[in-house]
Amino acid sequence: MNNFYTVWVGGAEVTDFYASLDTATAIKNEYESKGYDDVIIEKVNKPSPNAEHWARLRRDYPAIEPTN
């Protein structure tokens, strides 16, 4: 089973999908670069219900990336 992660900023979940650790880290770094200091990556134990959908969109339309 793959590991999935979500990102929290100030108590609010900022991802609308569960991500890989690399993606979650990139999102965390983006928020920290904007001055946020309460950014947490949380490991989740199940895949996102829309993970396949996002993977298919990224494969078929490489320019599409979630924006958060």
PDB file of N, CA and C in Angstrom:
ATOM      1  N   MET A   1       0.845  -1.184   0.000  1.00  0.00           N
ATOM      2  CA  MET A   1       0.000   0.000   0.000  1.00  0.00           C
ATOM      3  C   MET A   1       0.885   1.240   0.000  1.00  0.00           C
ATOM      4  N   ASN A   2       0.557   2.147  -0.841  1.00  0.00           N
ATOM      5  CA  ASN A   2       1.292   3.405  -0.878  1.00  0.00           C
ATOM      6  C   ASN A   2       0.922   4.271   0.311  1.00  0.00           C
ATOM      7  N   ASN A   3       1.834   5.122   0.691  1.00  0.00           N
ATOM      8  CA  ASN A   3       1.547   6.084   1.750  1.00  0.00           C
ATOM      9  C   ASN A   3       0.991   7.347   1.122  1.00  0.00           C
ATOM     10  N   PHE A   4       0.020   7.929   1.803  1.00  0.00           N
ATOM     11  CA  PHE A   4      -0.584   9.168   1.347  1.00  0.00           C
ATOM     12  C   PHE A   4      -0.527  10.190   2.470  1.00  0.00           C
ATOM     13  N   TYR A   5      -0.516  11.466   2.075  1.00  0.00           N
ATOM     14  CA  TYR A   5      -0.345  12.549   3.040  1.00  0.00           C
ATOM     15  C   TYR A   5      -1.303  13.690   2.706  1.00  0.00           C
ATOM     16  N   THR A   6      -1.605  14.484   3.734  1.00  0.00           N
ATOM     17  CA  THR A   6      -2.363  15.707   3.556  1.00  0.00           C
ATOM     18  C   THR A   6      -1.627  16.816   4.287  1.00  0.00           C
ATOM     19  N   VAL A   7      -1.938  18.053   3.981  1.00  0.00           N
ATOM     20  CA  VAL A   7      -1.230  19.189   4.575  1.00  0.00           C
ATOM     21  C   VAL A   7      -2.236  20.082   5.292  1.00  0.00           C
ATOM     22  N   TRP A   8      -1.864  20.471   6.501  1.00  0.00           N
ATOM     23  CA  TRP A   8      -2.678  21.360   7.327  1.00  0.00           C
ATOM     24  C   TRP A   8      -1.924  22.663   7.553  1.00  0.00           C
ATOM     25  N   VAL A   9      -2.634  23.788   7.457  1.00  0.00           N
ATOM     26  CA  VAL A   9      -2.053  25.103   7.734  1.00  0.00           C
ATOM     27  C   VAL A   9      -2.983  25.805   8.710  1.00  0.00           C
ATOM     28  N   GLY A  10      -2.468  26.087   9.900  1.00  0.00           N
ATOM     29  CA  GLY A  10      -3.270  26.778  10.905  1.00  0.00           C
ATOM     30  C   GLY A  10      -4.545  26.049  11.266  1.00  0.00           C
ATOM     31  N   GLY A  11      -4.534  24.739  11.238  1.00  0.00           N
ATOM     32  CA  GLY A  11      -5.706  23.954  11.597  1.00  0.00           C
ATOM     33  C   GLY A  11      -6.673  23.695  10.462  1.00  0.00           C
ATOM     34  N   ALA A  12      -6.375  24.183   9.262  1.00  0.00           N
ATOM     35  CA  ALA A  12      -7.236  23.949   8.098  1.00  0.00           C
ATOM     36  C   ALA A  12      -6.510  23.052   7.097  1.00  0.00           C
ATOM     37  N   GLU A  13      -7.210  22.039   6.616  1.00  0.00           N
ATOM     38  CA  GLU A  13      -6.628  21.166   5.603  1.00  0.00           C
ATOM     39  C   GLU A  13      -6.611  21.923   4.279  1.00  0.00           C
ATOM     40  N   VAL A  14      -5.430  22.020   3.659  1.00  0.00           N
ATOM     41  CA  VAL A  14      -5.294  22.828   2.443  1.00  0.00           C
ATOM     42  C   VAL A  14      -5.188  21.990   1.174  1.00  0.00           C
ATOM     43  N   THR A  15      -5.182  20.694   1.308  1.00  0.00           N
ATOM     44  CA  THR A  15      -5.158  19.828   0.126  1.00  0.00           C
ATOM     45  C   THR A  15      -6.553  19.275  -0.109  1.00  0.00           C
ATOM     46  N   ASP A  16      -6.948  19.166  -1.369  1.00  0.00           N
ATOM     47  CA  ASP A  16      -8.238  18.562  -1.690  1.00  0.00           C
ATOM     48  C   ASP A  16      -8.062  17.143  -2.214  1.00  0.00           C
ATOM     49  N   PHE A  17      -6.871  16.602  -2.006  1.00  0.00           N
ATOM     50  CA  PHE A  17      -6.535  15.251  -2.414  1.00  0.00           C
ATOM     51  C   PHE A  17      -5.420  14.765  -1.502  1.00  0.00           C
ATOM     52  N   TYR A  18      -5.303  13.460  -1.345  1.00  0.00           N
ATOM     53  CA  TYR A  18      -4.160  12.933  -0.607  1.00  0.00           C
ATOM     54  C   TYR A  18      -2.995  12.845  -1.573  1.00  0.00           C
ATOM     55  N   ALA A  19      -1.806  13.194  -1.100  1.00  0.00           N
ATOM     56  CA  ALA A  19      -0.653  13.354  -1.982  1.00  0.00           C
ATOM     57  C   ALA A  19       0.493  12.443  -1.555  1.00  0.00           C
ATOM     58  N   SER A  20       1.477  12.337  -2.427  1.00  0.00           N
ATOM     59  CA  SER A  20       2.719  11.658  -2.074  1.00  0.00           C
ATOM     60  C   SER A  20       3.477  12.540  -1.081  1.00  0.00           C
ATOM     61  N   LEU A  21       4.466  11.963  -0.425  1.00  0.00           N
ATOM     62  CA  LEU A  21       5.254  12.755   0.518  1.00  0.00           C
ATOM     63  C   LEU A  21       5.981  13.889  -0.196  1.00  0.00           C
ATOM     64  N   ASP A  22       6.477  13.646  -1.395  1.00  0.00           N
ATOM     65  CA  ASP A  22       7.160  14.708  -2.155  1.00  0.00           C
ATOM     66  C   ASP A  22       6.225  15.879  -2.449  1.00  0.00           C
ATOM     67  N   THR A  23       5.006  15.567  -2.872  1.00  0.00           N
ATOM     68  CA  THR A  23       4.040  16.625  -3.166  1.00  0.00           C
ATOM     69  C   THR A  23       3.636  17.362  -1.898  1.00  0.00           C
ATOM     70  N   ALA A  24       3.384  16.611  -0.828  1.00  0.00           N
ATOM     71  CA  ALA A  24       3.008  17.239   0.448  1.00  0.00           C
ATOM     72  C   ALA A  24       4.128  18.149   0.949  1.00  0.00           C
ATOM     73  N   THR A  25       5.360  17.711   0.799  1.00  0.00           N
ATOM     74  CA  THR A  25       6.505  18.527   1.226  1.00  0.00           C
ATOM     75  C   THR A  25       6.601  19.803   0.389  1.00  0.00           C
ATOM     76  N   ALA A  26       6.360  19.684  -0.905  1.00  0.00           N
ATOM     77  CA  ALA A  26       6.386  20.872  -1.777  1.00  0.00           C
ATOM     78  C   ALA A  26       5.290  21.864  -1.371  1.00  0.00           C
ATOM     79  N   ILE A  27       4.108  21.348  -1.042  1.00  0.00           N
ATOM     80  CA  ILE A  27       3.013  22.217  -0.600  1.00  0.00           C
ATOM     81  C   ILE A  27       3.382  22.885   0.715  1.00  0.00           C
ATOM     82  N   LYS A  28       3.944  22.114   1.644  1.00  0.00           N
ATOM     83  CA  LYS A  28       4.376  22.652   2.939  1.00  0.00           C
ATOM     84  C   LYS A  28       5.405  23.761   2.734  1.00  0.00           C
ATOM     85  N   ASN A  29       6.385  23.499   1.890  1.00  0.00           N
ATOM     86  CA  ASN A  29       7.431  24.498   1.624  1.00  0.00           C
ATOM     87  C   ASN A  29       6.857  25.770   1.014  1.00  0.00           C
ATOM     88  N   GLU A  30       5.861  25.619   0.146  1.00  0.00           N
ATOM     89  CA  GLU A  30       5.217  26.776  -0.484  1.00  0.00           C
ATOM     90  C   GLU A  30       4.558  27.665   0.576  1.00  0.00           C
ATOM     91  N   TYR A  31       3.820  27.043   1.496  1.00  0.00           N
ATOM     92  CA  TYR A  31       3.171  27.834   2.547  1.00  0.00           C
ATOM     93  C   TYR A  31       4.196  28.470   3.485  1.00  0.00           C
ATOM     94  N   GLU A  32       5.247  27.732   3.822  1.00  0.00           N
ATOM     95  CA  GLU A  32       6.274  28.294   4.702  1.00  0.00           C
ATOM     96  C   GLU A  32       6.999  29.454   4.025  1.00  0.00           C
ATOM     97  N   SER A  33       7.178  29.374   2.707  1.00  0.00           N
ATOM     98  CA  SER A  33       7.843  30.476   1.995  1.00  0.00           C
ATOM     99  C   SER A  33       6.980  31.741   1.999  1.00  0.00           C
ATOM    100  N   LYS A  34       5.670  31.566   2.222  1.00  0.00           N
ATOM    101  CA  LYS A  34       4.751  32.700   2.298  1.00  0.00           C
ATOM    102  C   LYS A  34       4.597  33.218   3.728  1.00  0.00           C
ATOM    103  N   GLY A  35       5.367  32.631   4.659  1.00  0.00           N
ATOM    104  CA  GLY A  35       5.369  33.134   6.023  1.00  0.00           C
ATOM    105  C   GLY A  35       4.531  32.353   7.019  1.00  0.00           C
ATOM    106  N   TYR A  36       3.858  31.302   6.585  1.00  0.00           N
ATOM    107  CA  TYR A  36       3.082  30.479   7.520  1.00  0.00           C
ATOM    108  C   TYR A  36       4.038  29.638   8.356  1.00  0.00           C
ATOM    109  N   ASP A  37       3.778  29.577   9.666  1.00  0.00           N
ATOM    110  CA  ASP A  37       4.672  28.789  10.519  1.00  0.00           C
ATOM    111  C   ASP A  37       3.962  27.620  11.193  1.00  0.00           C
ATOM    112  N   ASP A  38       2.673  27.449  10.949  1.00  0.00           N
ATOM    113  CA  ASP A  38       1.920  26.342  11.521  1.00  0.00           C
ATOM    114  C   ASP A  38       1.484  25.407  10.393  1.00  0.00           C
ATOM    115  N   VAL A  39       2.466  24.752   9.769  1.00  0.00           N
ATOM    116  CA  VAL A  39       2.210  23.881   8.627  1.00  0.00           C
ATOM    117  C   VAL A  39       2.593  22.461   9.017  1.00  0.00           C
ATOM    118  N   ILE A  40       1.658  21.535   8.855  1.00  0.00           N
ATOM    119  CA  ILE A  40       1.865  20.156   9.289  1.00  0.00           C
ATOM    120  C   ILE A  40       1.526  19.206   8.151  1.00  0.00           C
ATOM    121  N   ILE A  41       2.380  18.208   7.947  1.00  0.00           N
ATOM    122  CA  ILE A  41       2.088  17.115   7.021  1.00  0.00           C
ATOM    123  C   ILE A  41       1.570  15.955   7.861  1.00  0.00           C
ATOM    124  N   GLU A  42       0.402  15.425   7.485  1.00  0.00           N
ATOM    125  CA  GLU A  42      -0.180  14.297   8.199  1.00  0.00           C
ATOM    126  C   GLU A  42      -0.228  13.083   7.276  1.00  0.00           C
ATOM    127  N   LYS A  43       0.262  11.949   7.771  1.00  0.00           N
ATOM    128  CA  LYS A  43       0.170  10.700   7.026  1.00  0.00           C
ATOM    129  C   LYS A  43      -1.232  10.141   7.219  1.00  0.00           C
ATOM    130  N   VAL A  44      -1.867   9.721   6.129  1.00  0.00           N
ATOM    131  CA  VAL A  44      -3.198   9.120   6.209  1.00  0.00           C
ATOM    132  C   VAL A  44      -3.096   7.655   5.824  1.00  0.00           C
ATOM    133  N   ASN A  45      -3.990   6.854   6.334  1.00  0.00           N
ATOM    134  CA  ASN A  45      -3.898   5.407   6.170  1.00  0.00           C
ATOM    135  C   ASN A  45      -4.709   4.850   5.011  1.00  0.00           C
ATOM    136  N   LYS A  46      -5.332   5.700   4.251  1.00  0.00           N
ATOM    137  CA  LYS A  46      -6.107   5.213   3.119  1.00  0.00           C
ATOM    138  C   LYS A  46      -5.918   6.152   1.937  1.00  0.00           C
ATOM    139  N   PRO A  47      -6.065   5.626   0.729  1.00  0.00           N
ATOM    140  CA  PRO A  47      -5.913   6.484  -0.442  1.00  0.00           C
ATOM    141  C   PRO A  47      -7.099   7.426  -0.581  1.00  0.00           C
ATOM    142  N   SER A  48      -6.841   8.532  -1.209  1.00  0.00           N
ATOM    143  CA  SER A  48      -7.892   9.493  -1.492  1.00  0.00           C
ATOM    144  C   SER A  48      -8.932   8.855  -2.399  1.00  0.00           C
ATOM    145  N   PRO A  49     -10.206   9.139  -2.155  1.00  0.00           N
ATOM    146  CA  PRO A  49     -11.224   8.603  -3.065  1.00  0.00           C
ATOM    147  C   PRO A  49     -11.074   9.139  -4.485  1.00  0.00           C
ATOM    148  N   ASN A  50     -10.386  10.268  -4.641  1.00  0.00           N
ATOM    149  CA  ASN A  50     -10.199  10.808  -5.988  1.00  0.00           C
ATOM    150  C   ASN A  50      -8.749  10.716  -6.456  1.00  0.00           C
ATOM    151  N   ALA A  51      -7.936   9.901  -5.788  1.00  0.00           N
ATOM    152  CA  ALA A  51      -6.528   9.782  -6.163  1.00  0.00           C
ATOM    153  C   ALA A  51      -6.373   9.246  -7.585  1.00  0.00           C
ATOM    154  N   GLU A  52      -7.179   8.236  -7.946  1.00  0.00           N
ATOM    155  CA  GLU A  52      -7.097   7.694  -9.304  1.00  0.00           C
ATOM    156  C   GLU A  52      -7.484   8.739 -10.334  1.00  0.00           C
ATOM    157  N   HIS A  53      -8.494   9.504 -10.021  1.00  0.00           N
ATOM    158  CA  HIS A  53      -8.949  10.560 -10.929  1.00  0.00           C
ATOM    159  C   HIS A  53      -7.828  11.561 -11.191  1.00  0.00           C
ATOM    160  N   TRP A  54      -7.179  12.047 -10.119  1.00  0.00           N
ATOM    161  CA  TRP A  54      -6.096  13.019 -10.285  1.00  0.00           C
ATOM    162  C   TRP A  54      -4.915  12.410 -11.028  1.00  0.00           C
ATOM    163  N   ALA A  55      -4.592  11.156 -10.727  1.00  0.00           N
ATOM    164  CA  ALA A  55      -3.475  10.498 -11.421  1.00  0.00           C
ATOM    165  C   ALA A  55      -3.773  10.394 -12.911  1.00  0.00           C
ATOM    166  N   ARG A  56      -5.010  10.041 -13.252  1.00  0.00           N
ATOM    167  CA  ARG A  56      -5.392   9.931 -14.658  1.00  0.00           C
ATOM    168  C   ARG A  56      -5.339  11.294 -15.339  1.00  0.00           C
ATOM    169  N   LEU A  57      -5.831  12.346 -14.678  1.00  0.00           N
ATOM    170  CA  LEU A  57      -5.766  13.678 -15.265  1.00  0.00           C
ATOM    171  C   LEU A  57      -4.325  14.133 -15.461  1.00  0.00           C
ATOM    172  N   ARG A  58      -3.464  13.893 -14.454  1.00  0.00           N
ATOM    173  CA  ARG A  58      -2.059  14.299 -14.596  1.00  0.00           C
ATOM    174  C   ARG A  58      -1.384  13.529 -15.722  1.00  0.00           C
ATOM    175  N   ARG A  59      -1.753  12.254 -15.893  1.00  0.00           N
ATOM    176  CA  ARG A  59      -1.168  11.461 -16.968  1.00  0.00           C
ATOM    177  C   ARG A  59      -1.651  11.958 -18.336  1.00  0.00           C
ATOM    178  N   ASP A  60      -2.969  12.188 -18.457  1.00  0.00           N
ATOM    179  CA  ASP A  60      -3.554  12.554 -19.746  1.00  0.00           C
ATOM    180  C   ASP A  60      -3.381  14.027 -20.097  1.00  0.00           C
ATOM    181  N   TYR A  61      -3.304  14.882 -19.080  1.00  0.00           N
ATOM    182  CA  TYR A  61      -3.176  16.333 -19.270  1.00  0.00           C
ATOM    183  C   TYR A  61      -2.077  16.856 -18.354  1.00  0.00           C
ATOM    184  N   PRO A  62      -0.825  16.680 -18.720  1.00  0.00           N
ATOM    185  CA  PRO A  62       0.291  16.999 -17.825  1.00  0.00           C
ATOM    186  C   PRO A  62       0.304  18.436 -17.296  1.00  0.00           C
ATOM    187  N   ALA A  63      -0.356  19.367 -17.963  1.00  0.00           N
ATOM    188  CA  ALA A  63      -0.337  20.755 -17.475  1.00  0.00           C
ATOM    189  C   ALA A  63      -1.263  20.954 -16.295  1.00  0.00           C
ATOM    190  N   ILE A  64      -2.163  20.019 -16.032  1.00  0.00           N
ATOM    191  CA  ILE A  64      -3.114  20.162 -14.932  1.00  0.00           C
ATOM    192  C   ILE A  64      -2.450  19.738 -13.625  1.00  0.00           C
ATOM    193  N   GLU A  65      -2.420  20.623 -12.686  1.00  0.00           N
ATOM    194  CA  GLU A  65      -1.926  20.332 -11.339  1.00  0.00           C
ATOM    195  C   GLU A  65      -2.856  21.017 -10.351  1.00  0.00           C
ATOM    196  N   PRO A  66      -3.151  20.374  -9.224  1.00  0.00           N
ATOM    197  CA  PRO A  66      -3.983  21.030  -8.218  1.00  0.00           C
ATOM    198  C   PRO A  66      -3.297  22.290  -7.711  1.00  0.00           C
ATOM    199  N   THR A  67      -4.050  23.340  -7.489  1.00  0.00           N
ATOM    200  CA  THR A  67      -3.486  24.569  -6.959  1.00  0.00           C
ATOM    201  C   THR A  67      -4.043  24.805  -5.576  1.00  0.00           C
ATOM    202  N   ASN A  68      -3.157  24.998  -4.626  1.00  0.00           N
ATOM    203  CA  ASN A  68      -3.553  25.251  -3.241  1.00  0.00           C
ATOM    204  C   ASN A  68      -2.645  26.282  -2.657  1.00  0.00           C
TER     205      ASN A  68
END
